[in-house]
PDB file of all heavy atoms in Angstrom:
ATOM      1  N   LYS A   1     161.296 -76.017  29.157  1.00  0.00           N
ATOM      2  CA  LYS A   1     161.793 -77.156  28.373  1.00  0.00           C
ATOM      3  C   LYS A   1     163.067 -76.851  27.613  1.00  0.00           C
ATOM      4  O   LYS A   1     163.745 -77.761  27.141  1.00  0.00           O
ATOM      5  CB  LYS A   1     160.705 -77.611  27.385  1.00  0.00           C
ATOM      6  CG  LYS A   1     159.493 -78.223  28.046  1.00  0.00           C
ATOM      7  CD  LYS A   1     158.570 -78.867  27.037  1.00  0.00           C
ATOM      8  CE  LYS A   1     157.893 -77.850  26.146  1.00  0.00           C
ATOM      9  NZ  LYS A   1     156.910 -78.465  25.229  1.00  0.00           N
ATOM     10  N   HIS A   2     163.410 -75.568  27.479  1.00  0.00           N
ATOM     11  CA  HIS A   2     164.551 -75.198  26.648  1.00  0.00           C
ATOM     12  C   HIS A   2     165.812 -75.058  27.495  1.00  0.00           C
ATOM     13  O   HIS A   2     165.801 -74.394  28.538  1.00  0.00           O
ATOM     14  CB  HIS A   2     164.274 -73.889  25.918  1.00  0.00           C
ATOM     15  CG  HIS A   2     165.086 -73.733  24.659  1.00  0.00           C
ATOM     16  ND1 HIS A   2     166.431 -73.429  24.684  1.00  0.00           N
ATOM     17  CD2 HIS A   2     164.743 -73.852  23.356  1.00  0.00           C
ATOM     18  CE1 HIS A   2     166.888 -73.362  23.446  1.00  0.00           C
ATOM     19  NE2 HIS A   2     165.876 -73.614  22.614  1.00  0.00           N
ATOM     20  N   PRO A   3     166.942 -75.663  27.068  1.00  0.00           N
ATOM     21  CA  PRO A   3     168.198 -75.577  27.835  1.00  0.00           C
ATOM     22  C   PRO A   3     168.688 -74.145  28.048  1.00  0.00           C
ATOM     23  O   PRO A   3     169.281 -73.841  29.081  1.00  0.00           O
ATOM     24  CB  PRO A   3     169.196 -76.370  26.975  1.00  0.00           C
ATOM     25  CG  PRO A   3     168.359 -77.278  26.137  1.00  0.00           C
ATOM     26  CD  PRO A   3     167.079 -76.548  25.894  1.00  0.00           C
ATOM     27  N   ASP A   4     168.436 -73.256  27.073  1.00  0.00           N
ATOM     28  CA  ASP A   4     168.887 -71.869  27.209  1.00  0.00           C
ATOM     29  C   ASP A   4     168.284 -71.203  28.448  1.00  0.00           C
ATOM     30  O   ASP A   4     168.934 -70.390  29.107  1.00  0.00           O
ATOM     31  CB  ASP A   4     168.505 -71.058  25.967  1.00  0.00           C
ATOM     32  CG  ASP A   4     169.467 -71.293  24.808  1.00  0.00           C
ATOM     33  OD1 ASP A   4     170.464 -72.003  25.031  1.00  0.00           O
ATOM     34  OD2 ASP A   4     169.218 -70.786  23.712  1.00  0.00           O
ATOM     35  N   ALA A   5     167.036 -71.534  28.744  1.00  0.00           N
ATOM     36  CA  ALA A   5     166.373 -70.927  29.893  1.00  0.00           C
ATOM     37  C   ALA A   5     167.066 -71.338  31.191  1.00  0.00           C
ATOM     38  O   ALA A   5     167.319 -70.505  32.069  1.00  0.00           O
ATOM     39  CB  ALA A   5     164.901 -71.343  29.920  1.00  0.00           C
ATOM     40  N   TRP A   6     167.393 -72.635  31.297  1.00  0.00           N
ATOM     41  CA  TRP A   6     168.064 -73.126  32.503  1.00  0.00           C
ATOM     42  C   TRP A   6     169.493 -72.584  32.587  1.00  0.00           C
ATOM     43  O   TRP A   6     169.973 -72.237  33.670  1.00  0.00           O
ATOM     44  CB  TRP A   6     168.077 -74.655  32.512  1.00  0.00           C
ATOM     45  CG  TRP A   6     166.740 -75.222  32.848  1.00  0.00           C
ATOM     46  CD1 TRP A   6     165.795 -75.706  31.990  1.00  0.00           C
ATOM     47  CD2 TRP A   6     166.166 -75.328  34.150  1.00  0.00           C
ATOM     48  NE1 TRP A   6     164.685 -76.113  32.673  1.00  0.00           N
ATOM     49  CE2 TRP A   6     164.884 -75.900  34.001  1.00  0.00           C
ATOM     50  CE3 TRP A   6     166.617 -75.001  35.430  1.00  0.00           C
ATOM     51  CZ2 TRP A   6     164.045 -76.151  35.081  1.00  0.00           C
ATOM     52  CZ3 TRP A   6     165.780 -75.250  36.510  1.00  0.00           C
ATOM     53  CH2 TRP A   6     164.509 -75.823  36.329  1.00  0.00           C
ATOM     54  N   GLU A   7     170.164 -72.525  31.454  1.00  0.00           N
ATOM     55  CA  GLU A   7     171.528 -71.985  31.430  1.00  0.00           C
ATOM     56  C   GLU A   7     171.539 -70.538  31.929  1.00  0.00           C
ATOM     57  O   GLU A   7     172.394 -70.153  32.734  1.00  0.00           O
ATOM     58  CB  GLU A   7     172.081 -72.046  30.005  1.00  0.00           C
ATOM     59  CG  GLU A   7     173.464 -71.427  29.865  1.00  0.00           C
ATOM     60  CD  GLU A   7     173.873 -71.244  28.419  1.00  0.00           C
ATOM     61  OE1 GLU A   7     173.150 -71.720  27.515  1.00  0.00           O
ATOM     62  OE2 GLU A   7     174.919 -70.620  28.180  1.00  0.00           O
ATOM     63  N   THR A   8     170.587 -69.748  31.463  1.00  0.00           N
ATOM     64  CA  THR A   8     170.513 -68.343  31.855  1.00  0.00           C
ATOM     65  C   THR A   8     170.218 -68.197  33.335  1.00  0.00           C
ATOM     66  O   THR A   8     170.836 -67.397  34.041  1.00  0.00           O
ATOM     67  CB  THR A   8     169.432 -67.622  31.033  1.00  0.00           C
ATOM     68  OG1 THR A   8     169.703 -67.803  29.640  1.00  0.00           O
ATOM     69  CG2 THR A   8     169.403 -66.147  31.343  1.00  0.00           C
ATOM     70  N   LEU A   9     169.245 -68.993  33.839  1.00  0.00           N
ATOM     71  CA  LEU A   9     168.866 -68.908  35.243  1.00  0.00           C
ATOM     72  C   LEU A   9     170.009 -69.333  36.157  1.00  0.00           C
ATOM     73  O   LEU A   9     170.366 -68.625  37.114  1.00  0.00           O
ATOM     74  CB  LEU A   9     167.641 -69.779  35.505  1.00  0.00           C
ATOM     75  CG  LEU A   9     167.138 -69.752  36.948  1.00  0.00           C
ATOM     76  CD1 LEU A   9     166.254 -68.534  37.181  1.00  0.00           C
ATOM     77  CD2 LEU A   9     166.386 -71.023  37.297  1.00  0.00           C
ATOM     78  N   VAL A  10     170.597 -70.500  35.863  1.00  0.00           N
ATOM     79  CA  VAL A  10     171.659 -71.023  36.724  1.00  0.00           C
ATOM     80  C   VAL A  10     172.882 -70.121  36.677  1.00  0.00           C
ATOM     81  O   VAL A  10     173.561 -69.912  37.689  1.00  0.00           O
ATOM     82  CB  VAL A  10     172.015 -72.466  36.311  1.00  0.00           C
ATOM     83  CG1 VAL A  10     173.222 -72.964  37.092  1.00  0.00           C
ATOM     84  CG2 VAL A  10     170.826 -73.389  36.538  1.00  0.00           C
ATOM     85  N   SER A  11     173.167 -69.552  35.518  1.00  0.00           N
ATOM     86  CA  SER A  11     174.287 -68.630  35.395  1.00  0.00           C
ATOM     87  C   SER A  11     174.097 -67.430  36.321  1.00  0.00           C
ATOM     88  O   SER A  11     175.044 -66.993  36.996  1.00  0.00           O
ATOM     89  CB  SER A  11     174.432 -68.169  33.944  1.00  0.00           C
ATOM     90  OG  SER A  11     175.428 -67.169  33.818  1.00  0.00           O
ATOM     91  N   ALA A  12     172.888 -66.900  36.369  1.00  0.00           N
ATOM     92  CA  ALA A  12     172.596 -65.765  37.250  1.00  0.00           C
ATOM     93  C   ALA A  12     172.746 -66.152  38.711  1.00  0.00           C
ATOM     94  O   ALA A  12     173.248 -65.372  39.531  1.00  0.00           O
ATOM     95  CB  ALA A  12     171.194 -65.243  36.973  1.00  0.00           C
ATOM     96  N   MET A  13     172.334 -67.377  39.067  1.00  0.00           N
ATOM     97  CA  MET A  13     172.442 -67.841  40.450  1.00  0.00           C
ATOM     98  C   MET A  13     173.906 -67.996  40.868  1.00  0.00           C
ATOM     99  O   MET A  13     174.293 -67.591  41.975  1.00  0.00           O
ATOM    100  CB  MET A  13     171.699 -69.169  40.611  1.00  0.00           C
ATOM    101  CG  MET A  13     170.200 -69.055  40.429  1.00  0.00           C
ATOM    102  SD  MET A  13     169.365 -70.641  40.337  1.00  0.00           S
ATOM    103  CE  MET A  13     169.619 -71.247  41.988  1.00  0.00           C
ATOM    104  N   ILE A  14     174.715 -68.546  39.979  1.00  0.00           N
ATOM    105  CA  ILE A  14     176.136 -68.740  40.292  1.00  0.00           C
ATOM    106  C   ILE A  14     176.837 -67.394  40.420  1.00  0.00           C
ATOM    107  O   ILE A  14     177.635 -67.173  41.344  1.00  0.00           O
ATOM    108  CB  ILE A  14     176.802 -69.612  39.210  1.00  0.00           C
ATOM    109  CG1 ILE A  14     176.241 -71.041  39.275  1.00  0.00           C
ATOM    110  CG2 ILE A  14     178.317 -69.628  39.383  1.00  0.00           C
ATOM    111  CD1 ILE A  14     176.719 -71.940  38.158  1.00  0.00           C
ATOM    112  N   ARG A  15     176.539 -66.481  39.501  1.00  0.00           N
ATOM    113  CA  ARG A  15     177.150 -65.148  39.559  1.00  0.00           C
ATOM    114  C   ARG A  15     176.798 -64.427  40.856  1.00  0.00           C
ATOM    115  O   ARG A  15     177.607 -63.660  41.399  1.00  0.00           O
ATOM    116  CB  ARG A  15     176.691 -64.306  38.371  1.00  0.00           C
ATOM    117  CG  ARG A  15     177.321 -64.675  37.040  1.00  0.00           C
ATOM    118  CD  ARG A  15     176.670 -63.888  35.909  1.00  0.00           C
ATOM    119  NE  ARG A  15     176.806 -62.446  36.086  1.00  0.00           N
ATOM    120  CZ  ARG A  15     176.084 -61.550  35.415  1.00  0.00           C
ATOM    121  NH1 ARG A  15     175.166 -61.960  34.535  1.00  0.00           N
ATOM    122  NH2 ARG A  15     176.272 -60.257  35.615  1.00  0.00           N
ATOM    123  N   ALA A  16     175.593 -64.673  41.361  1.00  0.00           N
ATOM    124  CA  ALA A  16     175.146 -64.004  42.589  1.00  0.00           C
ATOM    125  C   ALA A  16     175.789 -64.587  43.834  1.00  0.00           C
ATOM    126  O   ALA A  16     175.709 -63.981  44.910  1.00  0.00           O
ATOM    127  CB  ALA A  16     173.627 -64.080  42.695  1.00  0.00           C
ATOM    128  N   GLY A  17     176.420 -65.769  43.714  1.00  0.00           N
ATOM    129  CA  GLY A  17     177.125 -66.350  44.856  1.00  0.00           C
ATOM    130  C   GLY A  17     176.433 -67.537  45.496  1.00  0.00           C
ATOM    131  O   GLY A  17     176.780 -67.923  46.621  1.00  0.00           O
ATOM    132  N   PHE A  18     175.469 -68.149  44.787  1.00  0.00           N
ATOM    133  CA  PHE A  18     174.743 -69.289  45.359  1.00  0.00           C
ATOM    134  C   PHE A  18     175.279 -70.614  44.813  1.00  0.00           C
ATOM    135  O   PHE A  18     175.873 -70.674  43.738  1.00  0.00           O
ATOM    136  CB  PHE A  18     173.249 -69.190  45.029  1.00  0.00           C
ATOM    137  CG  PHE A  18     172.525 -68.141  45.807  1.00  0.00           C
ATOM    138  CD1 PHE A  18     172.095 -66.967  45.194  1.00  0.00           C
ATOM    139  CD2 PHE A  18     172.261 -68.302  47.161  1.00  0.00           C
ATOM    140  CE1 PHE A  18     171.429 -65.994  45.904  1.00  0.00           C
ATOM    141  CE2 PHE A  18     171.590 -67.330  47.880  1.00  0.00           C
ATOM    142  CZ  PHE A  18     171.179 -66.178  47.249  1.00  0.00           C
ATOM    143  N   VAL A  19     175.026 -71.676  45.588  1.00  0.00           N
ATOM    144  CA  VAL A  19     175.292 -73.037  45.149  1.00  0.00           C
ATOM    145  C   VAL A  19     174.034 -73.858  45.403  1.00  0.00           C
ATOM    146  O   VAL A  19     173.379 -73.709  46.440  1.00  0.00           O
ATOM    147  CB  VAL A  19     176.504 -73.653  45.894  1.00  0.00           C
ATOM    148  CG1 VAL A  19     176.276 -73.685  47.396  1.00  0.00           C
ATOM    149  CG2 VAL A  19     176.806 -75.052  45.372  1.00  0.00           C
ATOM    150  N   VAL A  20     173.652 -74.684  44.445  1.00  0.00           N
ATOM    151  CA  VAL A  20     172.444 -75.503  44.568  1.00  0.00           C
ATOM    152  C   VAL A  20     172.747 -76.717  45.431  1.00  0.00           C
ATOM    153  O   VAL A  20     173.672 -77.471  45.157  1.00  0.00           O
ATOM    154  CB  VAL A  20     171.931 -75.945  43.181  1.00  0.00           C
ATOM    155  CG1 VAL A  20     170.695 -76.825  43.328  1.00  0.00           C
ATOM    156  CG2 VAL A  20     171.611 -74.727  42.314  1.00  0.00           C
ATOM    157  N   THR A  21     171.972 -76.915  46.487  1.00  0.00           N
ATOM    158  CA  THR A  21     172.174 -78.058  47.389  1.00  0.00           C
ATOM    159  C   THR A  21     171.131 -79.155  47.197  1.00  0.00           C
ATOM    160  O   THR A  21     171.337 -80.286  47.604  1.00  0.00           O
ATOM    161  CB  THR A  21     172.128 -77.592  48.850  1.00  0.00           C
ATOM    162  OG1 THR A  21     170.867 -76.974  49.117  1.00  0.00           O
ATOM    163  CG2 THR A  21     173.243 -76.595  49.124  1.00  0.00           C
ATOM    164  N   ALA A  22     170.018 -78.829  46.572  1.00  0.00           N
ATOM    165  CA  ALA A  22     168.978 -79.850  46.327  1.00  0.00           C
ATOM    166  C   ALA A  22     168.046 -79.353  45.240  1.00  0.00           C
ATOM    167  O   ALA A  22     167.918 -78.146  45.011  1.00  0.00           O
ATOM    168  CB  ALA A  22     168.189 -80.131  47.602  1.00  0.00           C
ATOM    169  N   SER A  23     167.411 -80.288  44.555  1.00  0.00           N
ATOM    170  CA  SER A  23     166.396 -79.943  43.554  1.00  0.00           C
ATOM    171  C   SER A  23     165.244 -80.930  43.682  1.00  0.00           C
ATOM    172  O   SER A  23     165.459 -82.139  43.773  1.00  0.00           O
ATOM    173  CB  SER A  23     166.989 -79.980  42.142  1.00  0.00           C
ATOM    174  OG  SER A  23     167.448 -81.268  41.827  1.00  0.00           O
ATOM    175  N   TRP A  24     164.052 -80.399  43.677  1.00  0.00           N
ATOM    176  CA  TRP A  24     162.855 -81.221  43.872  1.00  0.00           C
ATOM    177  C   TRP A  24     161.865 -80.979  42.737  1.00  0.00           C
ATOM    178  O   TRP A  24     161.342 -79.880  42.605  1.00  0.00           O
ATOM    179  CB  TRP A  24     162.180 -80.871  45.202  1.00  0.00           C
ATOM    180  CG  TRP A  24     163.045 -81.108  46.391  1.00  0.00           C
ATOM    181  CD1 TRP A  24     163.880 -80.214  46.993  1.00  0.00           C
ATOM    182  CD2 TRP A  24     163.176 -82.325  47.124  1.00  0.00           C
ATOM    183  NE1 TRP A  24     164.519 -80.790  48.049  1.00  0.00           N
ATOM    184  CE2 TRP A  24     164.117 -82.096  48.160  1.00  0.00           C
ATOM    185  CE3 TRP A  24     162.605 -83.596  47.009  1.00  0.00           C
ATOM    186  CZ2 TRP A  24     164.489 -83.076  49.064  1.00  0.00           C
ATOM    187  CZ3 TRP A  24     162.979 -84.576  47.922  1.00  0.00           C
ATOM    188  CH2 TRP A  24     163.900 -84.316  48.924  1.00  0.00           C
ATOM    189  N   PRO A  25     161.589 -81.984  41.910  1.00  0.00           N
ATOM    190  CA  PRO A  25     160.515 -81.833  40.913  1.00  0.00           C
ATOM    191  C   PRO A  25     159.166 -82.078  41.583  1.00  0.00           C
ATOM    192  O   PRO A  25     158.929 -83.145  42.149  1.00  0.00           O
ATOM    193  CB  PRO A  25     160.844 -82.926  39.888  1.00  0.00           C
ATOM    194  CG  PRO A  25     161.601 -83.959  40.675  1.00  0.00           C
ATOM    195  CD  PRO A  25     162.293 -83.265  41.804  1.00  0.00           C
ATOM    196  N   ILE A  26     158.305 -81.085  41.556  1.00  0.00           N
ATOM    197  CA  ILE A  26     157.002 -81.189  42.199  1.00  0.00           C
ATOM    198  C   ILE A  26     155.925 -80.985  41.143  1.00  0.00           C
ATOM    199  O   ILE A  26     155.956 -80.000  40.407  1.00  0.00           O
ATOM    200  CB  ILE A  26     156.852 -80.143  43.324  1.00  0.00           C
ATOM    201  CG1 ILE A  26     157.935 -80.375  44.399  1.00  0.00           C
ATOM    202  CG2 ILE A  26     155.467 -80.205  43.947  1.00  0.00           C
ATOM    203  CD1 ILE A  26     157.912 -79.364  45.531  1.00  0.00           C
ATOM    204  N   GLN A  27     154.999 -81.941  41.065  1.00  0.00           N
ATOM    205  CA  GLN A  27     153.944 -81.861  40.058  1.00  0.00           C
ATOM    206  C   GLN A  27     152.965 -80.764  40.453  1.00  0.00           C
ATOM    207  O   GLN A  27     152.200 -80.897  41.407  1.00  0.00           O
ATOM    208  CB  GLN A  27     153.222 -83.198  39.931  1.00  0.00           C
ATOM    209  CG  GLN A  27     152.278 -83.253  38.737  1.00  0.00           C
ATOM    210  CD  GLN A  27     151.846 -84.668  38.396  1.00  0.00           C
ATOM    211  OE1 GLN A  27     152.400 -85.617  38.926  1.00  0.00           O
ATOM    212  NE2 GLN A  27     150.862 -84.793  37.522  1.00  0.00           N
ATOM    213  N   THR A  28     153.004 -79.667  39.708  1.00  0.00           N
ATOM    214  CA  THR A  28     152.213 -78.484  40.049  1.00  0.00           C
ATOM    215  C   THR A  28     151.160 -78.151  39.015  1.00  0.00           C
ATOM    216  O   THR A  28     150.361 -77.240  39.226  1.00  0.00           O
ATOM    217  CB  THR A  28     153.142 -77.266  40.214  1.00  0.00           C
ATOM    218  OG1 THR A  28     153.920 -77.117  39.017  1.00  0.00           O
ATOM    219  CG2 THR A  28     154.069 -77.431  41.398  1.00  0.00           C
ATOM    220  N   GLU A  29     151.151 -78.838  37.868  1.00  0.00           N
ATOM    221  CA  GLU A  29     150.248 -78.462  36.778  1.00  0.00           C
ATOM    222  C   GLU A  29     149.137 -79.488  36.611  1.00  0.00           C
ATOM    223  O   GLU A  29     149.350 -80.691  36.788  1.00  0.00           O
ATOM    224  CB  GLU A  29     151.034 -78.336  35.469  1.00  0.00           C
ATOM    225  CG  GLU A  29     152.256 -77.424  35.561  1.00  0.00           C
ATOM    226  CD  GLU A  29     151.913 -76.010  35.969  1.00  0.00           C
ATOM    227  OE1 GLU A  29     150.820 -75.544  35.595  1.00  0.00           O
ATOM    228  OE2 GLU A  29     152.719 -75.382  36.664  1.00  0.00           O
ATOM    229  N   MET A  30     147.961 -79.017  36.240  1.00  0.00           N
ATOM    230  CA  MET A  30     146.821 -79.902  36.010  1.00  0.00           C
ATOM    231  C   MET A  30     146.965 -80.610  34.668  1.00  0.00           C
ATOM    232  O   MET A  30     147.271 -79.984  33.652  1.00  0.00           O
ATOM    233  CB  MET A  30     145.520 -79.099  36.017  1.00  0.00           C
ATOM    234  CG  MET A  30     145.163 -78.507  37.365  1.00  0.00           C
ATOM    235  SD  MET A  30     143.668 -77.487  37.256  1.00  0.00           S
ATOM    236  CE  MET A  30     142.463 -78.700  36.720  1.00  0.00           C
ATOM    237  N   ASN A  31     146.747 -81.929  34.676  1.00  0.00           N
ATOM    238  CA  ASN A  31     146.833 -82.690  33.428  1.00  0.00           C
ATOM    239  C   ASN A  31     145.705 -82.348  32.466  1.00  0.00           C
ATOM    240  O   ASN A  31     145.805 -82.589  31.265  1.00  0.00           O
ATOM    241  CB  ASN A  31     146.801 -84.192  33.747  1.00  0.00           C
ATOM    242  CG  ASN A  31     148.033 -84.635  34.508  1.00  0.00           C
ATOM    243  OD1 ASN A  31     149.112 -84.089  34.335  1.00  0.00           O
ATOM    244  ND2 ASN A  31     147.869 -85.636  35.366  1.00  0.00           N
ATOM    245  N   THR A  32     144.610 -81.788  32.998  1.00  0.00           N
ATOM    246  CA  THR A  32     143.436 -81.506  32.161  1.00  0.00           C
ATOM    247  C   THR A  32     143.448 -80.094  31.585  1.00  0.00           C
ATOM    248  O   THR A  32     142.512 -79.715  30.881  1.00  0.00           O
ATOM    249  CB  THR A  32     142.152 -81.682  32.992  1.00  0.00           C
ATOM    250  OG1 THR A  32     142.232 -80.848  34.155  1.00  0.00           O
ATOM    251  CG2 THR A  32     141.983 -83.133  33.423  1.00  0.00           C
ATOM    252  N   ARG A  33     144.491 -79.304  31.895  1.00  0.00           N
ATOM    253  CA  ARG A  33     144.510 -77.930  31.387  1.00  0.00           C
ATOM    254  C   ARG A  33     144.680 -77.927  29.869  1.00  0.00           C
ATOM    255  O   ARG A  33     145.217 -78.872  29.295  1.00  0.00           O
ATOM    256  CB  ARG A  33     145.616 -77.113  32.060  1.00  0.00           C
ATOM    257  CG  ARG A  33     147.035 -77.474  31.644  1.00  0.00           C
ATOM    258  CD  ARG A  33     148.048 -76.815  32.589  1.00  0.00           C
ATOM    259  NE  ARG A  33     149.401 -76.859  32.067  1.00  0.00           N
ATOM    260  CZ  ARG A  33     150.202 -77.897  32.135  1.00  0.00           C
ATOM    261  NH1 ARG A  33     149.775 -79.027  32.683  1.00  0.00           N
ATOM    262  NH2 ARG A  33     151.434 -77.819  31.659  1.00  0.00           N
ATOM    263  N   MET A  34     144.232 -76.859  29.227  1.00  0.00           N
ATOM    264  CA  MET A  34     144.254 -76.756  27.776  1.00  0.00           C
ATOM    265  C   MET A  34     145.654 -76.934  27.207  1.00  0.00           C
ATOM    266  O   MET A  34     145.856 -77.584  26.182  1.00  0.00           O
ATOM    267  CB  MET A  34     143.672 -75.401  27.352  1.00  0.00           C
ATOM    268  CG  MET A  34     143.648 -75.176  25.850  1.00  0.00           C
ATOM    269  SD  MET A  34     142.480 -76.236  24.986  1.00  0.00           S
ATOM    270  CE  MET A  34     140.928 -75.499  25.493  1.00  0.00           C
ATOM    271  N   ARG A  35     146.655 -76.363  27.900  1.00  0.00           N
ATOM    272  CA  ARG A  35     148.028 -76.398  27.399  1.00  0.00           C
ATOM    273  C   ARG A  35     148.561 -77.829  27.298  1.00  0.00           C
ATOM    274  O   ARG A  35     149.433 -78.120  26.479  1.00  0.00           O
ATOM    275  CB  ARG A  35     148.929 -75.558  28.333  1.00  0.00           C
ATOM    276  CG  ARG A  35     150.411 -75.585  27.997  1.00  0.00           C
ATOM    277  CD  ARG A  35     150.692 -74.859  26.693  1.00  0.00           C
ATOM    278  NE  ARG A  35     152.087 -74.944  26.321  1.00  0.00           N
ATOM    279  CZ  ARG A  35     152.612 -75.937  25.623  1.00  0.00           C
ATOM    280  NH1 ARG A  35     151.834 -76.935  25.205  1.00  0.00           N
ATOM    281  NH2 ARG A  35     153.886 -75.942  25.301  1.00  0.00           N
ATOM    282  N   ALA A  36     148.012 -78.750  28.110  1.00  0.00           N
ATOM    283  CA  ALA A  36     148.525 -80.115  28.154  1.00  0.00           C
ATOM    284  C   ALA A  36     147.912 -81.014  27.093  1.00  0.00           C
ATOM    285  O   ALA A  36     148.374 -82.130  26.877  1.00  0.00           O
ATOM    286  CB  ALA A  36     148.285 -80.722  29.544  1.00  0.00           C
ATOM    287  N   HIS A  37     146.882 -80.538  26.400  1.00  0.00           N
ATOM    288  CA  HIS A  37     146.196 -81.372  25.418  1.00  0.00           C
ATOM    289  C   HIS A  37     147.021 -81.491  24.138  1.00  0.00           C
ATOM    290  O   HIS A  37     147.291 -80.502  23.467  1.00  0.00           O
ATOM    291  CB  HIS A  37     144.819 -80.785  25.093  1.00  0.00           C
ATOM    292  CG  HIS A  37     143.878 -80.887  26.254  1.00  0.00           C
ATOM    293  ND1 HIS A  37     142.603 -80.368  26.221  1.00  0.00           N
ATOM    294  CD2 HIS A  37     144.020 -81.434  27.485  1.00  0.00           C
ATOM    295  CE1 HIS A  37     142.004 -80.598  27.365  1.00  0.00           C
ATOM    296  NE2 HIS A  37     142.840 -81.236  28.152  1.00  0.00           N
ATOM    297  N   GLY A  38     147.426 -82.726  23.797  1.00  0.00           N
ATOM    298  CA  GLY A  38     148.119 -82.978  22.536  1.00  0.00           C
ATOM    299  C   GLY A  38     149.492 -82.362  22.447  1.00  0.00           C
ATOM    300  O   GLY A  38     149.977 -82.089  21.359  1.00  0.00           O
ATOM    301  N   SER A  39     150.146 -82.105  23.586  1.00  0.00           N
ATOM    302  CA  SER A  39     151.486 -81.511  23.551  1.00  0.00           C
ATOM    303  C   SER A  39     152.316 -82.058  24.701  1.00  0.00           C
ATOM    304  O   SER A  39     151.786 -82.597  25.670  1.00  0.00           O
ATOM    305  CB  SER A  39     151.420 -79.980  23.641  1.00  0.00           C
ATOM    306  OG  SER A  39     150.952 -79.579  24.910  1.00  0.00           O
ATOM    307  N   ALA A  40     153.637 -81.892  24.569  1.00  0.00           N
ATOM    308  CA  ALA A  40     154.549 -82.347  25.618  1.00  0.00           C
ATOM    309  C   ALA A  40     154.741 -81.241  26.643  1.00  0.00           C
ATOM    310  O   ALA A  40     155.840 -80.753  26.878  1.00  0.00           O
ATOM    311  CB  ALA A  40     155.892 -82.750  25.003  1.00  0.00           C
ATOM    312  N   ALA A  41     153.646 -80.801  27.248  1.00  0.00           N
ATOM    313  CA  ALA A  41     153.709 -79.714  28.223  1.00  0.00           C
ATOM    314  C   ALA A  41     154.280 -80.230  29.541  1.00  0.00           C
ATOM    315  O   ALA A  41     154.079 -81.380  29.932  1.00  0.00           O
ATOM    316  CB  ALA A  41     152.314 -79.143  28.452  1.00  0.00           C
ATOM    317  N   LEU A  42     154.998 -79.360  30.221  1.00  0.00           N
ATOM    318  CA  LEU A  42     155.589 -79.721  31.500  1.00  0.00           C
ATOM    319  C   LEU A  42     154.501 -79.905  32.543  1.00  0.00           C
ATOM    320  O   LEU A  42     153.572 -79.113  32.640  1.00  0.00           O
ATOM    321  CB  LEU A  42     156.561 -78.638  31.960  1.00  0.00           C
ATOM    322  CG  LEU A  42     157.838 -78.483  31.125  1.00  0.00           C
ATOM    323  CD1 LEU A  42     158.614 -77.256  31.574  1.00  0.00           C
ATOM    324  CD2 LEU A  42     158.713 -79.721  31.253  1.00  0.00           C
TER     325      LEU A  42
END
């Protein structure tokens, strides 16, 4: 959820010589998990 995390990751990818051609958000987390209760969990 934090922009710094994405900035750090994408910066490493660009430095390594990659370019992003597509991005797919895929629902991978259970809505009933403890972390999702009462919070804005991804």
